[in-house]
């Protein structure tokens, strides 16, 4: 993933990563755009996240985007969208991540539609966000331990219980 996405928006019908056809824009944020795409080989609908070029040229932000893609493949959680693919698309000069497409409204859309949430709904939302964060932290620990093993050049087996710092 080295190139920068030069155009802010991809046109409907654009093929990204050799296998994903852009259907429509789902959301646009400060650092990128999320599209609904069709996975050409299977016909499945997916979400495609593309980083805007001005950010993709920044080495630190590009590295963070790559880390997000890698972590997303390793978090087995019902509360986090599963990453399916990622790469650097030569024709569009796009850094991209392909994820499962989740149905439904975003939290902010639902808040605008319904107004204030009832307390039981707030607690359920917080519980799900918390669980996603717990899953992410656990994966981070596994990845960190894997990095230590790679640096040591030999398998590393923790010997005792975890201690909080």
C-alpha atoms as a PDB file:
ATOM      1  CA  UNK A   1       0.000   0.000   0.000  1.00  0.00           C
ATOM      2  CA  UNK A   2       2.149   2.846  -1.238  1.00  0.00           C
ATOM      3  CA  UNK A   3       0.121   5.015  -3.588  1.00  0.00           C
ATOM      4  CA  UNK A   4      -2.096   7.964  -2.779  1.00  0.00           C
ATOM      5  CA  UNK A   5      -5.700   8.376  -3.826  1.00  0.00           C
ATOM      6  CA  UNK A   6      -5.658  11.549  -5.948  1.00  0.00           C
ATOM      7  CA  UNK A   7      -9.375  12.039  -6.599  1.00  0.00           C
ATOM      8  CA  UNK A   8     -11.660  12.465  -3.627  1.00  0.00           C
ATOM      9  CA  UNK A   9     -14.552  10.483  -5.115  1.00  0.00           C
ATOM     10  CA  UNK A  10     -14.729   7.312  -7.199  1.00  0.00           C
ATOM     11  CA  UNK A  11     -17.437   7.238  -9.876  1.00  0.00           C
ATOM     12  CA  UNK A  12     -20.148   4.596  -9.858  1.00  0.00           C
ATOM     13  CA  UNK A  13     -18.974   1.641 -11.957  1.00  0.00           C
ATOM     14  CA  UNK A  14     -15.273   2.150 -11.144  1.00  0.00           C
ATOM     15  CA  UNK A  15     -13.455  -1.141 -10.529  1.00  0.00           C
ATOM     16  CA  UNK A  16     -11.146  -1.129  -7.488  1.00  0.00           C
ATOM     17  CA  UNK A  17      -8.672  -3.841  -6.561  1.00  0.00           C
ATOM     18  CA  UNK A  18      -9.536  -5.788  -9.698  1.00  0.00           C
ATOM     19  CA  UNK A  19     -12.652  -7.251  -8.118  1.00  0.00           C
ATOM     20  CA  UNK A  20     -14.938  -4.587  -6.613  1.00  0.00           C
ATOM     21  CA  UNK A  21     -17.367  -2.418  -8.590  1.00  0.00           C
ATOM     22  CA  UNK A  22     -18.335   0.894  -6.957  1.00  0.00           C
ATOM     23  CA  UNK A  23     -22.111   1.249  -6.605  1.00  0.00           C
ATOM     24  CA  UNK A  24     -22.603   4.345  -4.463  1.00  0.00           C
ATOM     25  CA  UNK A  25     -21.181   6.511  -1.706  1.00  0.00           C
ATOM     26  CA  UNK A  26     -22.244   5.442   1.800  1.00  0.00           C
ATOM     27  CA  UNK A  27     -20.407   8.074   3.829  1.00  0.00           C
ATOM     28  CA  UNK A  28     -17.648  10.614   3.567  1.00  0.00           C
ATOM     29  CA  UNK A  29     -15.408  11.510   6.461  1.00  0.00           C
ATOM     30  CA  UNK A  30     -12.480  13.777   6.990  1.00  0.00           C
ATOM     31  CA  UNK A  31      -9.885  11.200   5.924  1.00  0.00           C
ATOM     32  CA  UNK A  32     -11.734   9.100   3.385  1.00  0.00           C
ATOM     33  CA  UNK A  33     -14.877   7.866   1.718  1.00  0.00           C
ATOM     34  CA  UNK A  34     -16.848   4.651   2.242  1.00  0.00           C
ATOM     35  CA  UNK A  35     -18.613   3.151  -0.754  1.00  0.00           C
ATOM     36  CA  UNK A  36     -21.025   0.307  -1.279  1.00  0.00           C
ATOM     37  CA  UNK A  37     -19.395  -2.027  -3.803  1.00  0.00           C
ATOM     38  CA  UNK A  38     -20.237  -5.284  -5.490  1.00  0.00           C
ATOM     39  CA  UNK A  39     -17.678  -8.072  -5.197  1.00  0.00           C
ATOM     40  CA  UNK A  40     -17.630  -9.047  -8.873  1.00  0.00           C
ATOM     41  CA  UNK A  41     -16.727 -12.723  -8.382  1.00  0.00           C
ATOM     42  CA  UNK A  42     -19.541 -13.447  -5.925  1.00  0.00           C
ATOM     43  CA  UNK A  43     -22.083 -10.660  -6.411  1.00  0.00           C
ATOM     44  CA  UNK A  44     -21.881  -9.924  -2.672  1.00  0.00           C
ATOM     45  CA  UNK A  45     -22.316  -6.358  -1.465  1.00  0.00           C
ATOM     46  CA  UNK A  46     -19.356  -5.019   0.524  1.00  0.00           C
ATOM     47  CA  UNK A  47     -18.165  -1.749   2.056  1.00  0.00           C
ATOM     48  CA  UNK A  48     -15.053  -0.176   0.508  1.00  0.00           C
ATOM     49  CA  UNK A  49     -13.110   2.384   2.550  1.00  0.00           C
ATOM     50  CA  UNK A  50     -10.768   4.584   0.520  1.00  0.00           C
ATOM     51  CA  UNK A  51      -8.271   6.997   2.086  1.00  0.00           C
ATOM     52  CA  UNK A  52      -8.129  10.490   0.562  1.00  0.00           C
ATOM     53  CA  UNK A  53      -4.875  11.264  -1.242  1.00  0.00           C
ATOM     54  CA  UNK A  54      -3.714  14.109   0.982  1.00  0.00           C
ATOM     55  CA  UNK A  55      -3.745  11.696   3.930  1.00  0.00           C
ATOM     56  CA  UNK A  56      -2.471   8.686   1.994  1.00  0.00           C
ATOM     57  CA  UNK A  57       0.716  10.621   1.218  1.00  0.00           C
ATOM     58  CA  UNK A  58       1.433  10.894   4.958  1.00  0.00           C
ATOM     59  CA  UNK A  59       3.546   7.872   5.972  1.00  0.00           C
ATOM     60  CA  UNK A  60       2.175   7.740   9.544  1.00  0.00           C
ATOM     61  CA  UNK A  61      -1.468   7.883   8.433  1.00  0.00           C
ATOM     62  CA  UNK A  62      -0.826   5.338   5.688  1.00  0.00           C
ATOM     63  CA  UNK A  63       0.759   2.992   8.247  1.00  0.00           C
ATOM     64  CA  UNK A  64      -2.263   3.455  10.534  1.00  0.00           C
ATOM     65  CA  UNK A  65      -4.596   2.588   7.635  1.00  0.00           C
ATOM     66  CA  UNK A  66      -2.604  -0.594   6.933  1.00  0.00           C
ATOM     67  CA  UNK A  67      -2.710  -1.510  10.664  1.00  0.00           C
ATOM     68  CA  UNK A  68      -6.482  -0.984  10.662  1.00  0.00           C
ATOM     69  CA  UNK A  69      -6.812  -3.414   7.752  1.00  0.00           C
ATOM     70  CA  UNK A  70      -4.635  -6.039   9.443  1.00  0.00           C
ATOM     71  CA  UNK A  71      -6.373  -5.730  12.807  1.00  0.00           C
ATOM     72  CA  UNK A  72      -9.759  -5.927  11.117  1.00  0.00           C
ATOM     73  CA  UNK A  73      -8.944  -9.378   9.776  1.00  0.00           C
ATOM     74  CA  UNK A  74      -8.040 -10.638  13.245  1.00  0.00           C
ATOM     75  CA  UNK A  75     -10.887  -9.417  15.436  1.00  0.00           C
ATOM     76  CA  UNK A  76     -13.452 -12.217  15.702  1.00  0.00           C
ATOM     77  CA  UNK A  77     -16.293 -10.076  17.009  1.00  0.00           C
ATOM     78  CA  UNK A  78     -19.954  -9.650  16.205  1.00  0.00           C
ATOM     79  CA  UNK A  79     -19.428  -5.979  17.086  1.00  0.00           C
ATOM     80  CA  UNK A  80     -16.732  -5.174  14.507  1.00  0.00           C
ATOM     81  CA  UNK A  81     -17.074  -5.314  10.700  1.00  0.00           C
ATOM     82  CA  UNK A  82     -14.881  -8.083   9.289  1.00  0.00           C
ATOM     83  CA  UNK A  83     -12.144  -6.976   6.874  1.00  0.00           C
ATOM     84  CA  UNK A  84     -12.180  -9.050   3.682  1.00  0.00           C
ATOM     85  CA  UNK A  85      -9.469  -7.476   1.546  1.00  0.00           C
ATOM     86  CA  UNK A  86      -7.148  -4.476   1.375  1.00  0.00           C
ATOM     87  CA  UNK A  87      -4.630  -3.075  -1.025  1.00  0.00           C
ATOM     88  CA  UNK A  88      -3.284  -0.381  -3.262  1.00  0.00           C
ATOM     89  CA  UNK A  89      -5.221  -0.070  -6.521  1.00  0.00           C
ATOM     90  CA  UNK A  90      -2.949   1.031  -9.370  1.00  0.00           C
ATOM     91  CA  UNK A  91      -5.593   2.377 -11.811  1.00  0.00           C
ATOM     92  CA  UNK A  92      -7.351   4.572  -9.221  1.00  0.00           C
ATOM     93  CA  UNK A  93      -4.220   5.170  -7.094  1.00  0.00           C
ATOM     94  CA  UNK A  94      -6.345   4.238  -4.075  1.00  0.00           C
ATOM     95  CA  UNK A  95      -5.452   2.756  -0.718  1.00  0.00           C
ATOM     96  CA  UNK A  96      -8.497   0.691   0.211  1.00  0.00           C
ATOM     97  CA  UNK A  97     -10.021  -1.682   2.731  1.00  0.00           C
ATOM     98  CA  UNK A  98     -12.942  -3.961   1.833  1.00  0.00           C
ATOM     99  CA  UNK A  99     -15.224  -4.926   4.743  1.00  0.00           C
ATOM    100  CA  UNK A 100     -18.480  -6.721   5.257  1.00  0.00           C
ATOM    101  CA  UNK A 101     -21.397  -4.403   4.558  1.00  0.00           C
ATOM    102  CA  UNK A 102     -23.552  -3.951   7.632  1.00  0.00           C
ATOM    103  CA  UNK A 103     -27.256  -3.291   7.200  1.00  0.00           C
ATOM    104  CA  UNK A 104     -29.045  -0.598   9.113  1.00  0.00           C
ATOM    105  CA  UNK A 105     -28.608   2.989  10.134  1.00  0.00           C
ATOM    106  CA  UNK A 106     -25.588   4.488  11.853  1.00  0.00           C
ATOM    107  CA  UNK A 107     -25.917   5.516  15.471  1.00  0.00           C
ATOM    108  CA  UNK A 108     -26.054   9.208  14.505  1.00  0.00           C
ATOM    109  CA  UNK A 109     -28.729   8.547  11.851  1.00  0.00           C
ATOM    110  CA  UNK A 110     -30.812   6.629  14.371  1.00  0.00           C
ATOM    111  CA  UNK A 111     -30.406   9.390  16.960  1.00  0.00           C
ATOM    112  CA  UNK A 112     -31.626  12.009  14.462  1.00  0.00           C
ATOM    113  CA  UNK A 113     -34.564   9.782  13.491  1.00  0.00           C
ATOM    114  CA  UNK A 114     -35.681   8.783  17.011  1.00  0.00           C
ATOM    115  CA  UNK A 115     -34.386  11.528  19.235  1.00  0.00           C
ATOM    116  CA  UNK A 116     -33.046  10.578  22.663  1.00  0.00           C
ATOM    117  CA  UNK A 117     -32.623   6.876  23.368  1.00  0.00           C
ATOM    118  CA  UNK A 118     -34.283   5.155  26.312  1.00  0.00           C
ATOM    119  CA  UNK A 119     -31.825   4.115  29.067  1.00  0.00           C
ATOM    120  CA  UNK A 120     -32.051   0.372  28.305  1.00  0.00           C
ATOM    121  CA  UNK A 121     -31.092   1.146  24.664  1.00  0.00           C
ATOM    122  CA  UNK A 122     -28.196   3.379  25.789  1.00  0.00           C
ATOM    123  CA  UNK A 123     -26.905   0.608  28.046  1.00  0.00           C
ATOM    124  CA  UNK A 124     -27.091  -1.937  25.210  1.00  0.00           C
ATOM    125  CA  UNK A 125     -25.241   0.398  22.841  1.00  0.00           C
ATOM    126  CA  UNK A 126     -22.516   1.036  25.427  1.00  0.00           C
ATOM    127  CA  UNK A 127     -22.251  -2.716  26.118  1.00  0.00           C
ATOM    128  CA  UNK A 128     -21.701  -3.433  22.413  1.00  0.00           C
ATOM    129  CA  UNK A 129     -19.133  -0.661  22.020  1.00  0.00           C
ATOM    130  CA  UNK A 130     -17.349  -1.904  25.133  1.00  0.00           C
ATOM    131  CA  UNK A 131     -17.288  -5.474  23.818  1.00  0.00           C
ATOM    132  CA  UNK A 132     -15.834  -4.318  20.503  1.00  0.00           C
ATOM    133  CA  UNK A 133     -13.109  -2.431  22.407  1.00  0.00           C
ATOM    134  CA  UNK A 134     -12.372  -5.472  24.599  1.00  0.00           C
ATOM    135  CA  UNK A 135     -12.059  -7.605  21.448  1.00  0.00           C
ATOM    136  CA  UNK A 136      -9.743  -5.006  19.858  1.00  0.00           C
ATOM    137  CA  UNK A 137      -7.517  -4.810  22.944  1.00  0.00           C
ATOM    138  CA  UNK A 138      -7.207  -8.594  23.146  1.00  0.00           C
ATOM    139  CA  UNK A 139      -6.190  -8.764  19.488  1.00  0.00           C
ATOM    140  CA  UNK A 140      -3.684  -5.958  20.097  1.00  0.00           C
ATOM    141  CA  UNK A 141      -2.120  -8.017  22.880  1.00  0.00           C
ATOM    142  CA  UNK A 142      -1.868 -11.042  20.603  1.00  0.00           C
ATOM    143  CA  UNK A 143      -0.301  -8.974  17.833  1.00  0.00           C
ATOM    144  CA  UNK A 144       2.141  -7.377  20.290  1.00  0.00           C
ATOM    145  CA  UNK A 145       3.150 -10.824  21.592  1.00  0.00           C
ATOM    146  CA  UNK A 146       3.561 -12.013  17.980  1.00  0.00           C
ATOM    147  CA  UNK A 147       5.873  -9.036  17.301  1.00  0.00           C
ATOM    148  CA  UNK A 148       7.940  -9.962  20.354  1.00  0.00           C
ATOM    149  CA  UNK A 149       8.233 -13.551  19.098  1.00  0.00           C
ATOM    150  CA  UNK A 150       9.365 -12.284  15.691  1.00  0.00           C
ATOM    151  CA  UNK A 151      11.972 -10.011  17.249  1.00  0.00           C
ATOM    152  CA  UNK A 152      13.293 -12.782  19.492  1.00  0.00           C
ATOM    153  CA  UNK A 153      13.495 -15.150  16.534  1.00  0.00           C
ATOM    154  CA  UNK A 154      12.028 -17.972  18.602  1.00  0.00           C
ATOM    155  CA  UNK A 155       8.625 -18.896  20.002  1.00  0.00           C
ATOM    156  CA  UNK A 156       7.733 -16.936  23.126  1.00  0.00           C
ATOM    157  CA  UNK A 157       5.534 -18.594  25.720  1.00  0.00           C
ATOM    158  CA  UNK A 158       4.240 -16.407  28.560  1.00  0.00           C
ATOM    159  CA  UNK A 159       4.986 -18.103  31.898  1.00  0.00           C
ATOM    160  CA  UNK A 160       2.704 -16.379  34.371  1.00  0.00           C
ATOM    161  CA  UNK A 161      -0.529 -14.481  34.750  1.00  0.00           C
ATOM    162  CA  UNK A 162      -0.874 -10.966  33.335  1.00  0.00           C
ATOM    163  CA  UNK A 163      -0.124  -8.128  35.700  1.00  0.00           C
ATOM    164  CA  UNK A 164      -1.765  -4.764  35.297  1.00  0.00           C
ATOM    165  CA  UNK A 165       0.494  -1.747  35.256  1.00  0.00           C
END
